[in-house]
């Protein structure tokens, strides 16, 4: 499964990438800004989007709209990943089109359970 992870915090990015490495069978590309995320899409088509709420050049809600406008990403599952409590942002995330919310740092068991629900057909 291919994931695009967008977060400007390098430590969070490292932790997410390592969590995915431990999980196995997850290919991750990372970006630190919304602009970088759009650039990554030129060479990488993700099966899942994981986006931080607060980015230097945009917020997760606006970035999701921009990413969903890209060819082939209109229905791509997306998770908002934030240091804020998921319960506090879940309604806004759902209105913006996110599939769900994850707290940072992402828990491996929770990550795998959520990804299993959205895994694309072979």
Protein backbone atom coordinates (compact mmCIF):
# COMPACT_ATOMS: atom_id res chain seq x y z
CA UNK A 1 0.00 0.00 0.00
CA UNK A 2 1.31 3.43 -0.95
CA UNK A 3 0.93 6.33 1.50
CA UNK A 4 1.60 10.04 1.17
CA UNK A 5 2.43 11.53 4.58
CA UNK A 6 2.41 15.33 4.88
CA UNK A 7 3.87 16.87 8.05
CA UNK A 8 6.35 19.69 8.59
CA UNK A 9 7.77 18.17 11.78
CA UNK A 10 10.74 15.99 10.84
CA UNK A 11 10.55 13.97 14.06
CA UNK A 12 6.89 13.10 13.46
CA UNK A 13 7.75 12.21 9.87
CA UNK A 14 10.57 9.95 11.03
CA UNK A 15 8.30 8.24 13.58
CA UNK A 16 5.58 7.69 10.98
CA UNK A 17 8.02 6.33 8.42
CA UNK A 18 9.54 3.96 11.00
CA UNK A 19 6.08 2.79 12.09
CA UNK A 20 5.27 1.98 8.47
CA UNK A 21 8.64 0.28 7.97
CA UNK A 22 7.98 -1.97 10.98
CA UNK A 23 4.50 -2.74 9.65
CA UNK A 24 5.93 -3.88 6.32
CA UNK A 25 4.30 -3.70 2.88
CA UNK A 26 3.75 0.06 3.24
CA UNK A 27 5.53 2.41 0.86
CA UNK A 28 5.67 5.95 2.23
CA UNK A 29 6.57 9.21 0.56
CA UNK A 30 6.71 12.28 2.77
CA UNK A 31 6.30 15.99 2.24
CA UNK A 32 6.76 18.89 4.65
CA UNK A 33 4.36 21.37 3.02
CA UNK A 34 1.29 21.39 0.83
CA UNK A 35 3.41 22.51 -2.10
CA UNK A 36 5.82 19.62 -1.60
CA UNK A 37 2.89 17.19 -1.42
CA UNK A 38 1.64 18.36 -4.80
CA UNK A 39 5.16 17.96 -6.21
CA UNK A 40 5.42 14.38 -4.86
CA UNK A 41 2.26 13.50 -6.79
CA UNK A 42 4.08 14.05 -10.08
CA UNK A 43 5.96 10.79 -9.49
CA UNK A 44 3.91 8.92 -6.89
CA UNK A 45 0.23 7.97 -6.73
CA UNK A 46 -0.78 7.11 -3.16
CA UNK A 47 -3.49 4.69 -2.05
CA UNK A 48 -3.91 6.65 1.20
CA UNK A 49 -3.30 10.26 2.24
CA UNK A 50 -2.15 11.13 5.78
CA UNK A 51 -2.11 14.87 6.39
CA UNK A 52 -1.12 16.99 9.39
CA UNK A 53 -3.65 19.63 10.42
CA UNK A 54 -1.15 22.50 10.72
CA UNK A 55 1.30 23.04 7.86
CA UNK A 56 3.48 26.08 7.10
CA UNK A 57 1.76 26.93 3.81
CA UNK A 58 -1.79 25.65 4.37
CA UNK A 59 -3.90 23.54 6.71
CA UNK A 60 -4.88 19.90 6.36
CA UNK A 61 -8.46 20.70 5.36
CA UNK A 62 -7.47 22.97 2.47
CA UNK A 63 -4.69 20.61 1.36
CA UNK A 64 -7.09 17.67 1.20
CA UNK A 65 -9.32 19.64 -1.17
CA UNK A 66 -6.32 20.45 -3.37
CA UNK A 67 -5.10 16.85 -3.37
CA UNK A 68 -8.56 15.48 -4.13
CA UNK A 69 -8.68 17.73 -7.20
CA UNK A 70 -5.66 15.91 -8.63
CA UNK A 71 -6.29 13.15 -11.20
CA UNK A 72 -7.04 9.80 -9.58
CA UNK A 73 -7.24 11.09 -6.00
CA UNK A 74 -10.91 12.13 -5.73
CA UNK A 75 -11.84 9.05 -3.69
CA UNK A 76 -8.50 8.29 -2.04
CA UNK A 77 -8.94 7.56 1.67
CA UNK A 78 -7.45 10.32 3.80
CA UNK A 79 -6.61 10.57 7.47
CA UNK A 80 -6.02 13.76 9.41
CA UNK A 81 -3.05 13.28 11.72
CA UNK A 82 -2.70 15.80 14.52
CA UNK A 83 -1.31 16.43 17.96
CA UNK A 84 -4.80 17.63 18.84
CA UNK A 85 -7.22 15.13 20.33
CA UNK A 86 -9.08 13.33 17.52
CA UNK A 87 -12.37 13.83 19.37
CA UNK A 88 -11.86 17.61 19.18
CA UNK A 89 -11.36 17.70 15.41
CA UNK A 90 -13.28 14.64 14.16
CA UNK A 91 -16.41 16.52 13.06
CA UNK A 92 -14.48 19.18 11.14
CA UNK A 93 -12.30 16.48 9.59
CA UNK A 94 -15.34 14.49 8.44
CA UNK A 95 -16.91 17.64 6.94
CA UNK A 96 -13.67 18.27 5.04
CA UNK A 97 -13.78 14.73 3.63
CA UNK A 98 -11.33 12.88 5.83
CA UNK A 99 -11.92 9.18 6.41
CA UNK A 100 -10.72 9.48 10.00
CA UNK A 101 -8.37 11.15 12.49
CA UNK A 102 -5.20 9.84 14.08
CA UNK A 103 -3.36 11.20 17.09
CA UNK A 104 0.40 11.69 16.93
CA UNK A 105 2.47 9.68 17.31
CA UNK A 106 0.55 7.09 15.32
CA UNK A 107 0.05 3.76 17.07
CA UNK A 108 1.10 0.80 14.88
CA UNK A 109 -1.88 -1.38 15.84
CA UNK A 110 -4.35 1.44 15.12
CA UNK A 111 -2.60 2.31 11.85
CA UNK A 112 -2.82 -1.26 10.59
CA UNK A 113 -6.45 -1.64 11.64
CA UNK A 114 -7.49 1.55 9.83
CA UNK A 115 -5.47 0.72 6.72
CA UNK A 116 -7.02 -2.74 6.56
CA UNK A 117 -10.44 -1.07 6.30
CA UNK A 118 -9.43 1.02 3.29
CA UNK A 119 -7.00 -1.35 1.54
CA UNK A 120 -7.56 -1.23 -2.22
CA UNK A 121 -8.64 -4.39 -4.01
CA UNK A 122 -5.74 -6.35 -5.55
